Every structure is written in C-alpha cells, then in structure tokens.
Amino acid sequence: MFKEALAHVVDGTEGGLAGLLMDFQGVAVETYAKPGAGVDMDIVGAEFSVVIKSIQRAAESLDAGRAQEVAVSVDKMITVIRVLNSDYFVALALRPDGNIGKGRFLLRTAAPKLLAELE
C-alpha cells in the first residue's frame, strides 16, 4: 500500500522524481522512484530528517505549534516533506520546474491514508 501511495504522489505530480516514507530515526519504510530519477531518497530522507527535527524544536520553542510541512529548493531539485506524526514523515522530490503546488496537495491528501496503514 505504501509504494502505491508514493507512486500516486510522484506520478501525479508534474516533474515528480521520487517519494519516501521514513521514520525520524532515518529508517525508510518505503521508497518509490521513477526510472532514471537519479535521486537516492534514502540519503535525502536521512539528511532531511535531522533538519526537520531542528525545525520542529524551533517551532516548539517559539510556541508556534507543530511543524507540518517543509520545502527545500536547491539547484537540482525541490523536496517537499510532510510530517505525518511524531514518528514518520513522507517526502516528494521533484525537478526544479516541477509543480510544487500539486505535489503539496497530493502529499496532504495521501497523509491520512498513510497514517491509517501505519497504525
């Protein structure tokens, strides 16, 4: 079920390259990548999990609530990360010219289904 949900997000997003469901310990639950995507989502997830935890701590210290979504745009890709709960997050990597709005929407709508399967 996880791979199908990730494939739906990646394939449904113009410019989508790969998707990942990971825990905050850096262990990938599932990944999906288009052929030739050239993105190692295990490494992306492991590196960004540290960043997300820092953002969550900052948001809490500011009394701003729980961090829900983070987008990181670099020269070669955009990574959108949606926090599912205190243990898991889902991420989408897309080309810099990809449709980030559609990717965000698909991650948001996939989140409840992923959470239900994780419980």
PDB file of N, CA and C in Angstrom:
ATOM      1  N   MET A   1       0.817  -1.203   0.000  1.00  0.00           N
ATOM      2  CA  MET A   1       0.000   0.000   0.000  1.00  0.00           C
ATOM      3  C   MET A   1       0.855   1.259   0.000  1.00  0.00           C
ATOM      4  N   PHE A   2       1.978   1.248   0.743  1.00  0.00           N
ATOM      5  CA  PHE A   2       2.828   2.427   0.824  1.00  0.00           C
ATOM      6  C   PHE A   2       3.422   2.787  -0.535  1.00  0.00           C
ATOM      7  N   LYS A   3       3.934   1.786  -1.240  1.00  0.00           N
ATOM      8  CA  LYS A   3       4.542   2.047  -2.547  1.00  0.00           C
ATOM      9  C   LYS A   3       3.509   2.621  -3.515  1.00  0.00           C
ATOM     10  N   GLU A   4       2.283   2.081  -3.474  1.00  0.00           N
ATOM     11  CA  GLU A   4       1.235   2.589  -4.359  1.00  0.00           C
ATOM     12  C   GLU A   4       0.902   4.044  -4.038  1.00  0.00           C
ATOM     13  N   ALA A   5       0.844   4.378  -2.764  1.00  0.00           N
ATOM     14  CA  ALA A   5       0.547   5.760  -2.363  1.00  0.00           C
ATOM     15  C   ALA A   5       1.669   6.701  -2.811  1.00  0.00           C
ATOM     16  N   LEU A   6       2.907   6.273  -2.642  1.00  0.00           N
ATOM     17  CA  LEU A   6       4.036   7.092  -3.075  1.00  0.00           C
ATOM     18  C   LEU A   6       4.038   7.252  -4.590  1.00  0.00           C
ATOM     19  N   ALA A   7       3.755   6.163  -5.308  1.00  0.00           N
ATOM     20  CA  ALA A   7       3.705   6.219  -6.773  1.00  0.00           C
ATOM     21  C   ALA A   7       2.621   7.186  -7.230  1.00  0.00           C
ATOM     22  N   HIS A   8       1.485   7.181  -6.550  1.00  0.00           N
ATOM     23  CA  HIS A   8       0.386   8.096  -6.894  1.00  0.00           C
ATOM     24  C   HIS A   8       0.833   9.551  -6.755  1.00  0.00           C
ATOM     25  N   VAL A   9       1.552   9.860  -5.693  1.00  0.00           N
ATOM     26  CA  VAL A   9       2.024  11.221  -5.468  1.00  0.00           C
ATOM     27  C   VAL A   9       3.069  11.607  -6.514  1.00  0.00           C
ATOM     28  N   VAL A  10       4.066  10.749  -6.700  1.00  0.00           N
ATOM     29  CA  VAL A  10       5.162  11.058  -7.627  1.00  0.00           C
ATOM     30  C   VAL A  10       4.653  11.142  -9.061  1.00  0.00           C
ATOM     31  N   ASP A  11       3.924  10.130  -9.493  1.00  0.00           N
ATOM     32  CA  ASP A  11       3.443  10.090 -10.875  1.00  0.00           C
ATOM     33  C   ASP A  11       2.373  11.141 -11.149  1.00  0.00           C
ATOM     34  N   GLY A  12       1.665  11.554 -10.111  1.00  0.00           N
ATOM     35  CA  GLY A  12       0.612  12.548 -10.271  1.00  0.00           C
ATOM     36  C   GLY A  12       1.102  13.985 -10.232  1.00  0.00           C
ATOM     37  N   THR A  13       2.392  14.165  -9.961  1.00  0.00           N
ATOM     38  CA  THR A  13       2.981  15.496  -9.872  1.00  0.00           C
ATOM     39  C   THR A  13       3.867  15.745 -11.083  1.00  0.00           C
ATOM     40  N   GLU A  14       3.559  16.774 -11.836  1.00  0.00           N
ATOM     41  CA  GLU A  14       4.411  17.124 -12.971  1.00  0.00           C
ATOM     42  C   GLU A  14       5.813  17.424 -12.459  1.00  0.00           C
ATOM     43  N   GLY A  15       6.792  16.712 -12.974  1.00  0.00           N
ATOM     44  CA  GLY A  15       8.174  16.881 -12.529  1.00  0.00           C
ATOM     45  C   GLY A  15       8.538  16.009 -11.349  1.00  0.00           C
ATOM     46  N   GLY A  16       7.608  15.175 -10.867  1.00  0.00           N
ATOM     47  CA  GLY A  16       7.898  14.293  -9.743  1.00  0.00           C
ATOM     48  C   GLY A  16       8.996  13.301 -10.090  1.00  0.00           C
ATOM     49  N   LEU A  17       9.913  13.081  -9.158  1.00  0.00           N
ATOM     50  CA  LEU A  17      11.027  12.166  -9.368  1.00  0.00           C
ATOM     51  C   LEU A  17      10.945  10.937  -8.465  1.00  0.00           C
ATOM     52  N   ALA A  18      10.716  11.172  -7.173  1.00  0.00           N
ATOM     53  CA  ALA A  18      10.755  10.070  -6.220  1.00  0.00           C
ATOM     54  C   ALA A  18       9.998  10.447  -4.949  1.00  0.00           C
ATOM     55  N   GLY A  19       9.609   9.416  -4.192  1.00  0.00           N
ATOM     56  CA  GLY A  19       8.914   9.614  -2.931  1.00  0.00           C
ATOM     57  C   GLY A  19       9.464   8.693  -1.860  1.00  0.00           C
ATOM     58  N   LEU A  20       9.185   9.034  -0.626  1.00  0.00           N
ATOM     59  CA  LEU A  20       9.755   8.310   0.509  1.00  0.00           C
ATOM     60  C   LEU A  20       8.824   8.394   1.707  1.00  0.00           C
ATOM     61  N   LEU A  21       8.684   7.287   2.410  1.00  0.00           N
ATOM     62  CA  LEU A  21       8.046   7.245   3.723  1.00  0.00           C
ATOM     63  C   LEU A  21       9.134   6.803   4.683  1.00  0.00           C
ATOM     64  N   MET A  22       9.415   7.614   5.705  1.00  0.00           N
ATOM     65  CA  MET A  22      10.556   7.344   6.587  1.00  0.00           C
ATOM     66  C   MET A  22      10.197   7.666   8.023  1.00  0.00           C
ATOM     67  N   ASP A  23      10.859   6.978   8.952  1.00  0.00           N
ATOM     68  CA  ASP A  23      10.695   7.366  10.357  1.00  0.00           C
ATOM     69  C   ASP A  23      11.780   8.376  10.718  1.00  0.00           C
ATOM     70  N   PHE A  24      11.611   9.029  11.842  1.00  0.00           N
ATOM     71  CA  PHE A  24      12.550  10.068  12.243  1.00  0.00           C
ATOM     72  C   PHE A  24      13.881   9.529  12.756  1.00  0.00           C
ATOM     73  N   GLN A  25      14.021   8.220  12.783  1.00  0.00           N
ATOM     74  CA  GLN A  25      15.313   7.619  13.118  1.00  0.00           C
ATOM     75  C   GLN A  25      16.162   7.432  11.868  1.00  0.00           C
ATOM     76  N   GLY A  26      15.577   7.762  10.698  1.00  0.00           N
ATOM     77  CA  GLY A  26      16.304   7.643   9.436  1.00  0.00           C
ATOM     78  C   GLY A  26      16.128   6.313   8.739  1.00  0.00           C
ATOM     79  N   VAL A  27      15.121   5.532   9.152  1.00  0.00           N
ATOM     80  CA  VAL A  27      14.871   4.229   8.541  1.00  0.00           C
ATOM     81  C   VAL A  27      13.729   4.371   7.535  1.00  0.00           C
ATOM     82  N   ALA A  28      14.011   4.049   6.280  1.00  0.00           N
ATOM     83  CA  ALA A  28      12.995   4.143   5.237  1.00  0.00           C
ATOM     84  C   ALA A  28      11.999   2.997   5.375  1.00  0.00           C
ATOM     85  N   VAL A  29      10.719   3.320   5.386  1.00  0.00           N
ATOM     86  CA  VAL A  29       9.658   2.323   5.388  1.00  0.00           C
ATOM     87  C   VAL A  29       9.419   1.866   3.955  1.00  0.00           C
ATOM     88  N   GLU A  30       9.374   2.855   3.026  1.00  0.00           N
ATOM     89  CA  GLU A  30       9.153   2.539   1.607  1.00  0.00           C
ATOM     90  C   GLU A  30       9.651   3.693   0.760  1.00  0.00           C
ATOM     91  N   THR A  31      10.128   3.370  -0.432  1.00  0.00           N
ATOM     92  CA  THR A  31      10.526   4.386  -1.397  1.00  0.00           C
ATOM     93  C   THR A  31       9.931   4.040  -2.753  1.00  0.00           C
ATOM     94  N   TYR A  32       9.832   5.052  -3.586  1.00  0.00           N
ATOM     95  CA  TYR A  32       9.397   4.864  -4.972  1.00  0.00           C
ATOM     96  C   TYR A  32      10.120   5.902  -5.802  1.00  0.00           C
ATOM     97  N   ALA A  33      10.693   5.491  -6.926  1.00  0.00           N
ATOM     98  CA  ALA A  33      11.359   6.424  -7.829  1.00  0.00           C
ATOM     99  C   ALA A  33      11.024   6.072  -9.265  1.00  0.00           C
ATOM    100  N   LYS A  34      10.849   7.107 -10.061  1.00  0.00           N
ATOM    101  CA  LYS A  34      10.671   6.893 -11.489  1.00  0.00           C
ATOM    102  C   LYS A  34      11.986   6.369 -12.064  1.00  0.00           C
ATOM    103  N   PRO A  35      11.912   5.540 -13.098  1.00  0.00           N
ATOM    104  CA  PRO A  35      13.156   5.070 -13.727  1.00  0.00           C
ATOM    105  C   PRO A  35      14.011   6.257 -14.184  1.00  0.00           C
ATOM    106  N   GLY A  36      15.288   6.187 -13.864  1.00  0.00           N
ATOM    107  CA  GLY A  36      16.217   7.246 -14.249  1.00  0.00           C
ATOM    108  C   GLY A  36      16.100   8.522 -13.445  1.00  0.00           C
ATOM    109  N   ALA A  37      15.409   8.475 -12.306  1.00  0.00           N
ATOM    110  CA  ALA A  37      15.207   9.681 -11.495  1.00  0.00           C
ATOM    111  C   ALA A  37      16.527  10.256 -10.984  1.00  0.00           C
ATOM    112  N   GLY A  38      17.480   9.396 -10.700  1.00  0.00           N
ATOM    113  CA  GLY A  38      18.779   9.871 -10.237  1.00  0.00           C
ATOM    114  C   GLY A  38      18.762  10.462  -8.839  1.00  0.00           C
ATOM    115  N   VAL A  39      17.793  10.052  -8.027  1.00  0.00           N
ATOM    116  CA  VAL A  39      17.674  10.567  -6.657  1.00  0.00           C
ATOM    117  C   VAL A  39      17.689   9.386  -5.692  1.00  0.00           C
ATOM    118  N   ASP A  40      18.593   9.396  -4.723  1.00  0.00           N
ATOM    119  CA  ASP A  40      18.623   8.362  -3.694  1.00  0.00           C
ATOM    120  C   ASP A  40      17.824   8.879  -2.500  1.00  0.00           C
ATOM    121  N   MET A  41      16.554   8.489  -2.449  1.00  0.00           N
ATOM    122  CA  MET A  41      15.669   9.021  -1.416  1.00  0.00           C
ATOM    123  C   MET A  41      16.053   8.569  -0.017  1.00  0.00           C
ATOM    124  N   ASP A  42      16.723   7.451   0.125  1.00  0.00           N
ATOM    125  CA  ASP A  42      17.178   7.037   1.458  1.00  0.00           C
ATOM    126  C   ASP A  42      18.138   8.077   2.030  1.00  0.00           C
ATOM    127  N   ILE A  43      19.056   8.549   1.201  1.00  0.00           N
ATOM    128  CA  ILE A  43      20.016   9.560   1.657  1.00  0.00           C
ATOM    129  C   ILE A  43      19.311  10.897   1.870  1.00  0.00           C
ATOM    130  N   VAL A  44      18.445  11.283   0.933  1.00  0.00           N
ATOM    131  CA  VAL A  44      17.689  12.532   1.076  1.00  0.00           C
ATOM    132  C   VAL A  44      16.915  12.528   2.394  1.00  0.00           C
ATOM    133  N   GLY A  45      16.200  11.441   2.645  1.00  0.00           N
ATOM    134  CA  GLY A  45      15.404  11.339   3.862  1.00  0.00           C
ATOM    135  C   GLY A  45      16.236  11.374   5.128  1.00  0.00           C
ATOM    136  N   ALA A  46      17.335  10.632   5.120  1.00  0.00           N
ATOM    137  CA  ALA A  46      18.184  10.593   6.309  1.00  0.00           C
ATOM    138  C   ALA A  46      18.751  11.982   6.617  1.00  0.00           C
ATOM    139  N   GLU A  47      19.192  12.689   5.589  1.00  0.00           N
ATOM    140  CA  GLU A  47      19.749  14.029   5.805  1.00  0.00           C
ATOM    141  C   GLU A  47      18.683  15.028   6.246  1.00  0.00           C
ATOM    142  N   PHE A  48      17.530  14.992   5.592  1.00  0.00           N
ATOM    143  CA  PHE A  48      16.486  15.958   5.919  1.00  0.00           C
ATOM    144  C   PHE A  48      15.760  15.630   7.214  1.00  0.00           C
ATOM    145  N   SER A  49      15.816  14.397   7.681  1.00  0.00           N
ATOM    146  CA  SER A  49      15.166  14.083   8.963  1.00  0.00           C
ATOM    147  C   SER A  49      15.810  14.890  10.092  1.00  0.00           C
ATOM    148  N   VAL A  50      17.107  15.112  10.008  1.00  0.00           N
ATOM    149  CA  VAL A  50      17.811  15.925  11.008  1.00  0.00           C
ATOM    150  C   VAL A  50      17.318  17.367  10.936  1.00  0.00           C
ATOM    151  N   VAL A  51      17.162  17.884   9.720  1.00  0.00           N
ATOM    152  CA  VAL A  51      16.695  19.255   9.529  1.00  0.00           C
ATOM    153  C   VAL A  51      15.264  19.414  10.063  1.00  0.00           C
ATOM    154  N   ILE A  52      14.417  18.444   9.759  1.00  0.00           N
ATOM    155  CA  ILE A  52      13.022  18.520  10.210  1.00  0.00           C
ATOM    156  C   ILE A  52      12.946  18.534  11.727  1.00  0.00           C
ATOM    157  N   LYS A  53      13.746  17.694  12.365  1.00  0.00           N
ATOM    158  CA  LYS A  53      13.742  17.677  13.834  1.00  0.00           C
ATOM    159  C   LYS A  53      14.164  19.030  14.397  1.00  0.00           C
ATOM    160  N   SER A  54      15.140  19.668  13.770  1.00  0.00           N
ATOM    161  CA  SER A  54      15.576  21.004  14.218  1.00  0.00           C
ATOM    162  C   SER A  54      14.466  22.031  14.034  1.00  0.00           C
ATOM    163  N   ILE A  55      13.772  21.958  12.915  1.00  0.00           N
ATOM    164  CA  ILE A  55      12.660  22.876  12.665  1.00  0.00           C
ATOM    165  C   ILE A  55      11.546  22.643  13.681  1.00  0.00           C
ATOM    166  N   GLN A  56      11.273  21.385  13.988  1.00  0.00           N
ATOM    167  CA  GLN A  56      10.235  21.083  14.980  1.00  0.00           C
ATOM    168  C   GLN A  56      10.600  21.660  16.345  1.00  0.00           C
ATOM    169  N   ARG A  57      11.862  21.505  16.739  1.00  0.00           N
ATOM    170  CA  ARG A  57      12.297  22.060  18.032  1.00  0.00           C
ATOM    171  C   ARG A  57      12.174  23.580  18.040  1.00  0.00           C
ATOM    172  N   ALA A  58      12.556  24.213  16.932  1.00  0.00           N
ATOM    173  CA  ALA A  58      12.461  25.679  16.850  1.00  0.00           C
ATOM    174  C   ALA A  58      11.006  26.132  16.936  1.00  0.00           C
ATOM    175  N   ALA A  59      10.116  25.453  16.224  1.00  0.00           N
ATOM    176  CA  ALA A  59       8.696  25.814  16.250  1.00  0.00           C
ATOM    177  C   ALA A  59       8.125  25.663  17.654  1.00  0.00           C
ATOM    178  N   GLU A  60       8.518  24.595  18.335  1.00  0.00           N
ATOM    179  CA  GLU A  60       8.041  24.385  19.703  1.00  0.00           C
ATOM    180  C   GLU A  60       8.579  25.448  20.651  1.00  0.00           C
ATOM    181  N   SER A  61       9.859  25.808  20.503  1.00  0.00           N
ATOM    182  CA  SER A  61      10.431  26.810  21.399  1.00  0.00           C
ATOM    183  C   SER A  61       9.817  28.188  21.160  1.00  0.00           C
ATOM    184  N   LEU A  62       9.326  28.431  19.959  1.00  0.00           N
ATOM    185  CA  LEU A  62       8.651  29.687  19.645  1.00  0.00           C
ATOM    186  C   LEU A  62       7.173  29.646  20.004  1.00  0.00           C
ATOM    187  N   ASP A  63       6.731  28.510  20.505  1.00  0.00           N
ATOM    188  CA  ASP A  63       5.325  28.307  20.839  1.00  0.00           C
ATOM    189  C   ASP A  63       4.434  28.508  19.615  1.00  0.00           C
ATOM    190  N   ALA A  64       4.947  28.055  18.447  1.00  0.00           N
ATOM    191  CA  ALA A  64       4.242  28.247  17.179  1.00  0.00           C
ATOM    192  C   ALA A  64       3.432  27.026  16.770  1.00  0.00           C
ATOM    193  N   GLY A  65       3.507  25.968  17.536  1.00  0.00           N
ATOM    194  CA  GLY A  65       2.778  24.747  17.183  1.00  0.00           C
ATOM    195  C   GLY A  65       3.678  23.742  16.494  1.00  0.00           C
ATOM    196  N   ARG A  66       3.046  22.727  15.971  1.00  0.00           N
ATOM    197  CA  ARG A  66       3.763  21.611  15.351  1.00  0.00           C
ATOM    198  C   ARG A  66       4.098  21.924  13.897  1.00  0.00           C
ATOM    199  N   ALA A  67       5.341  21.653  13.496  1.00  0.00           N
ATOM    200  CA  ALA A  67       5.740  21.809  12.095  1.00  0.00           C
ATOM    201  C   ALA A  67       5.022  20.747  11.270  1.00  0.00           C
ATOM    202  N   GLN A  68       4.383  21.159  10.195  1.00  0.00           N
ATOM    203  CA  GLN A  68       3.613  20.226   9.374  1.00  0.00           C
ATOM    204  C   GLN A  68       4.239  19.960   8.019  1.00  0.00           C
ATOM    205  N   GLU A  69       4.891  20.971   7.449  1.00  0.00           N
ATOM    206  CA  GLU A  69       5.426  20.809   6.103  1.00  0.00           C
ATOM    207  C   GLU A  69       6.675  21.663   5.936  1.00  0.00           C
ATOM    208  N   VAL A  70       7.638  21.113   5.196  1.00  0.00           N
ATOM    209  CA  VAL A  70       8.880  21.819   4.909  1.00  0.00           C
ATOM    210  C   VAL A  70       9.191  21.607   3.428  1.00  0.00           C
ATOM    211  N   ALA A  71       9.591  22.659   2.754  1.00  0.00           N
ATOM    212  CA  ALA A  71      10.024  22.542   1.365  1.00  0.00           C
ATOM    213  C   ALA A  71      11.446  23.085   1.267  1.00  0.00           C
ATOM    214  N   VAL A  72      12.296  22.341   0.587  1.00  0.00           N
ATOM    215  CA  VAL A  72      13.680  22.738   0.393  1.00  0.00           C
ATOM    216  C   VAL A  72      13.939  22.769  -1.106  1.00  0.00           C
ATOM    217  N   SER A  73      14.335  23.932  -1.589  1.00  0.00           N
ATOM    218  CA  SER A  73      14.605  24.097  -3.007  1.00  0.00           C
ATOM    219  C   SER A  73      16.105  24.321  -3.201  1.00  0.00           C
ATOM    220  N   VAL A  74      16.727  23.442  -3.968  1.00  0.00           N
ATOM    221  CA  VAL A  74      18.148  23.566  -4.302  1.00  0.00           C
ATOM    222  C   VAL A  74      18.272  23.554  -5.823  1.00  0.00           C
ATOM    223  N   ASP A  75      19.461  23.723  -6.332  1.00  0.00           N
ATOM    224  CA  ASP A  75      19.647  23.846  -7.779  1.00  0.00           C
ATOM    225  C   ASP A  75      19.045  22.696  -8.576  1.00  0.00           C
ATOM    226  N   LYS A  76      19.206  21.465  -8.097  1.00  0.00           N
ATOM    227  CA  LYS A  76      18.835  20.304  -8.904  1.00  0.00           C
ATOM    228  C   LYS A  76      17.492  19.689  -8.568  1.00  0.00           C
ATOM    229  N   MET A  77      16.854  20.094  -7.464  1.00  0.00           N
ATOM    230  CA  MET A  77      15.545  19.527  -7.124  1.00  0.00           C
ATOM    231  C   MET A  77      14.874  20.322  -6.023  1.00  0.00           C
ATOM    232  N   ILE A  78      13.601  20.048  -5.889  1.00  0.00           N
ATOM    233  CA  ILE A  78      12.807  20.560  -4.765  1.00  0.00           C
ATOM    234  C   ILE A  78      12.368  19.346  -3.965  1.00  0.00           C
ATOM    235  N   THR A  79      12.475  19.423  -2.668  1.00  0.00           N
ATOM    236  CA  THR A  79      11.994  18.350  -1.803  1.00  0.00           C
ATOM    237  C   THR A  79      10.919  18.921  -0.890  1.00  0.00           C
ATOM    238  N   VAL A  80       9.743  18.308  -0.939  1.00  0.00           N
ATOM    239  CA  VAL A  80       8.636  18.708  -0.074  1.00  0.00           C
ATOM    240  C   VAL A  80       8.450  17.587   0.944  1.00  0.00           C
ATOM    241  N   ILE A  81       8.424  17.948   2.207  1.00  0.00           N
ATOM    242  CA  ILE A  81       8.320  16.974   3.292  1.00  0.00           C
ATOM    243  C   ILE A  81       7.084  17.298   4.119  1.00  0.00           C
ATOM    244  N   ARG A  82       6.251  16.293   4.332  1.00  0.00           N
ATOM    245  CA  ARG A  82       5.048  16.441   5.168  1.00  0.00           C
ATOM    246  C   ARG A  82       5.214  15.526   6.377  1.00  0.00           C
ATOM    247  N   VAL A  83       5.121  16.115   7.563  1.00  0.00           N
ATOM    248  CA  VAL A  83       5.206  15.354   8.806  1.00  0.00           C
ATOM    249  C   VAL A  83       3.863  14.654   9.016  1.00  0.00           C
ATOM    250  N   LEU A  84       3.918  13.341   9.235  1.00  0.00           N
ATOM    251  CA  LEU A  84       2.692  12.576   9.461  1.00  0.00           C
ATOM    252  C   LEU A  84       2.320  12.532  10.936  1.00  0.00           C
ATOM    253  N   ASN A  85       3.303  12.278  11.778  1.00  0.00           N
ATOM    254  CA  ASN A  85       3.104  12.261  13.226  1.00  0.00           C
ATOM    255  C   ASN A  85       4.482  12.388  13.877  1.00  0.00           C
ATOM    256  N   SER A  86       4.593  12.106  15.146  1.00  0.00           N
ATOM    257  CA  SER A  86       5.876  12.279  15.819  1.00  0.00           C
ATOM    258  C   SER A  86       6.906  11.238  15.405  1.00  0.00           C
ATOM    259  N   ASP A  87       6.485  10.214  14.669  1.00  0.00           N
ATOM    260  CA  ASP A  87       7.397   9.145  14.278  1.00  0.00           C
ATOM    261  C   ASP A  87       7.741   9.093  12.792  1.00  0.00           C
ATOM    262  N   TYR A  88       6.864   9.612  11.919  1.00  0.00           N
ATOM    263  CA  TYR A  88       7.023   9.413  10.478  1.00  0.00           C
ATOM    264  C   TYR A  88       6.805  10.691   9.669  1.00  0.00           C
ATOM    265  N   PHE A  89       7.461  10.703   8.496  1.00  0.00           N
ATOM    266  CA  PHE A  89       7.210  11.760   7.516  1.00  0.00           C
ATOM    267  C   PHE A  89       7.232  11.155   6.120  1.00  0.00           C
ATOM    268  N   VAL A  90       6.654  11.894   5.184  1.00  0.00           N
ATOM    269  CA  VAL A  90       6.632  11.490   3.784  1.00  0.00           C
ATOM    270  C   VAL A  90       7.272  12.632   2.996  1.00  0.00           C
ATOM    271  N   ALA A  91       8.025  12.265   1.949  1.00  0.00           N
ATOM    272  CA  ALA A  91       8.733  13.280   1.168  1.00  0.00           C
ATOM    273  C   ALA A  91       8.550  13.036  -0.324  1.00  0.00           C
ATOM    274  N   LEU A  92       8.586  14.114  -1.066  1.00  0.00           N
ATOM    275  CA  LEU A  92       8.498  14.098  -2.516  1.00  0.00           C
ATOM    276  C   LEU A  92       9.655  14.900  -3.077  1.00  0.00           C
ATOM    277  N   ALA A  93      10.402  14.317  -4.000  1.00  0.00           N
ATOM    278  CA  ALA A  93      11.457  15.032  -4.719  1.00  0.00           C
ATOM    279  C   ALA A  93      10.949  15.306  -6.127  1.00  0.00           C
ATOM    280  N   LEU A  94      11.135  16.530  -6.582  1.00  0.00           N
ATOM    281  CA  LEU A  94      10.722  16.870  -7.933  1.00  0.00           C
ATOM    282  C   LEU A  94      11.743  17.790  -8.601  1.00  0.00           C
ATOM    283  N   ARG A  95      11.669  17.857  -9.918  1.00  0.00           N
ATOM    284  CA  ARG A  95      12.561  18.742 -10.662  1.00  0.00           C
ATOM    285  C   ARG A  95      12.304  20.184 -10.241  1.00  0.00           C
ATOM    286  N   PRO A  96      13.298  21.048 -10.412  1.00  0.00           N
ATOM    287  CA  PRO A  96      13.113  22.452 -10.027  1.00  0.00           C
ATOM    288  C   PRO A  96      11.952  23.143 -10.747  1.00  0.00           C
ATOM    289  N   ASP A  97      11.599  22.660 -11.934  1.00  0.00           N
ATOM    290  CA  ASP A  97      10.482  23.243 -12.672  1.00  0.00           C
ATOM    291  C   ASP A  97       9.180  22.465 -12.455  1.00  0.00           C
ATOM    292  N   GLY A  98       9.179  21.536 -11.491  1.00  0.00           N
ATOM    293  CA  GLY A  98       8.001  20.715 -11.206  1.00  0.00           C
ATOM    294  C   GLY A  98       6.884  21.513 -10.558  1.00  0.00           C
ATOM    295  N   ASN A  99       5.721  20.900 -10.513  1.00  0.00           N
ATOM    296  CA  ASN A  99       4.525  21.543  -9.960  1.00  0.00           C
ATOM    297  C   ASN A  99       4.462  21.309  -8.445  1.00  0.00           C
ATOM    298  N   ILE A 100       5.093  22.193  -7.696  1.00  0.00           N
ATOM    299  CA  ILE A 100       5.177  22.041  -6.237  1.00  0.00           C
ATOM    300  C   ILE A 100       3.796  22.098  -5.586  1.00  0.00           C
ATOM    301  N   GLY A 101       2.903  22.919  -6.117  1.00  0.00           N
ATOM    302  CA  GLY A 101       1.552  23.012  -5.549  1.00  0.00           C
ATOM    303  C   GLY A 101       0.806  21.690  -5.638  1.00  0.00           C
ATOM    304  N   LYS A 102       0.887  21.039  -6.780  1.00  0.00           N
ATOM    305  CA  LYS A 102       0.222  19.738  -6.951  1.00  0.00           C
ATOM    306  C   LYS A 102       0.872  18.698  -6.036  1.00  0.00           C
ATOM    307  N   GLY A 103       2.195  18.738  -5.946  1.00  0.00           N
ATOM    308  CA  GLY A 103       2.887  17.814  -5.055  1.00  0.00           C
ATOM    309  C   GLY A 103       2.473  17.987  -3.605  1.00  0.00           C
ATOM    310  N   ARG A 104       2.365  19.226  -3.162  1.00  0.00           N
ATOM    311  CA  ARG A 104       1.931  19.502  -1.786  1.00  0.00           C
ATOM    312  C   ARG A 104       0.520  18.982  -1.558  1.00  0.00           C
ATOM    313  N   PHE A 105      -0.358  19.219  -2.539  1.00  0.00           N
ATOM    314  CA  PHE A 105      -1.741  18.752  -2.432  1.00  0.00           C
ATOM    315  C   PHE A 105      -1.789  17.225  -2.337  1.00  0.00           C
ATOM    316  N   LEU A 106      -1.069  16.543  -3.203  1.00  0.00           N
ATOM    317  CA  LEU A 106      -1.097  15.083  -3.187  1.00  0.00           C
ATOM    318  C   LEU A 106      -0.486  14.505  -1.910  1.00  0.00           C
ATOM    319  N   LEU A 107       0.563  15.135  -1.390  1.00  0.00           N
ATOM    320  CA  LEU A 107       1.120  14.681  -0.104  1.00  0.00           C
ATOM    321  C   LEU A 107       0.096  14.861   1.010  1.00  0.00           C
ATOM    322  N   ARG A 108      -0.563  16.016   1.020  1.00  0.00           N
ATOM    323  CA  ARG A 108      -1.564  16.294   2.066  1.00  0.00           C
ATOM    324  C   ARG A 108      -2.715  15.305   2.004  1.00  0.00           C
ATOM    325  N   THR A 109      -3.185  14.970   0.809  1.00  0.00           N
ATOM    326  CA  THR A 109      -4.312  14.043   0.708  1.00  0.00           C
ATOM    327  C   THR A 109      -3.895  12.596   0.940  1.00  0.00           C
ATOM    328  N   ALA A 110      -2.630  12.269   0.704  1.00  0.00           N
ATOM    329  CA  ALA A 110      -2.145  10.905   0.953  1.00  0.00           C
ATOM    330  C   ALA A 110      -1.863  10.670   2.437  1.00  0.00           C
ATOM    331  N   ALA A 111      -1.600  11.732   3.187  1.00  0.00           N
ATOM    332  CA  ALA A 111      -1.194  11.601   4.589  1.00  0.00           C
ATOM    333  C   ALA A 111      -2.170  10.783   5.441  1.00  0.00           C
ATOM    334  N   PRO A 112      -3.481  11.030   5.413  1.00  0.00           N
ATOM    335  CA  PRO A 112      -4.381  10.229   6.255  1.00  0.00           C
ATOM    336  C   PRO A 112      -4.364   8.736   5.909  1.00  0.00           C
ATOM    337  N   LYS A 113      -4.240   8.417   4.631  1.00  0.00           N
ATOM    338  CA  LYS A 113      -4.193   7.010   4.211  1.00  0.00           C
ATOM    339  C   LYS A 113      -2.915   6.340   4.718  1.00  0.00           C
ATOM    340  N   LEU A 114      -1.807   7.044   4.615  1.00  0.00           N
ATOM    341  CA  LEU A 114      -0.536   6.506   5.104  1.00  0.00           C
ATOM    342  C   LEU A 114      -0.586   6.300   6.611  1.00  0.00           C
ATOM    343  N   LEU A 115      -1.125   7.290   7.322  1.00  0.00           N
ATOM    344  CA  LEU A 115      -1.240   7.181   8.784  1.00  0.00           C
ATOM    345  C   LEU A 115      -2.103   5.984   9.186  1.00  0.00           C
ATOM    346  N   ALA A 116      -3.203   5.799   8.485  1.00  0.00           N
ATOM    347  CA  ALA A 116      -4.088   4.678   8.810  1.00  0.00           C
ATOM    348  C   ALA A 116      -3.377   3.340   8.648  1.00  0.00           C
ATOM    349  N   GLU A 117      -2.537   3.233   7.631  1.00  0.00           N
ATOM    350  CA  GLU A 117      -1.789   1.991   7.400  1.00  0.00           C
ATOM    351  C   GLU A 117      -0.661   1.797   8.415  1.00  0.00           C
ATOM    352  N   LEU A 118      -0.120   2.900   8.926  1.00  0.00           N
ATOM    353  CA  LEU A 118       0.969   2.818   9.908  1.00  0.00           C
ATOM    354  C   LEU A 118       0.475   2.380  11.281  1.00  0.00           C
ATOM    355  N   GLU A 119      -0.804   2.612  11.570  1.00  0.00           N
ATOM    356  CA  GLU A 119      -1.328   2.300  12.903  1.00  0.00           C
ATOM    357  C   GLU A 119      -1.783   0.887  13.027  1.00  0.00           C
TER     358      GLU A 119
END
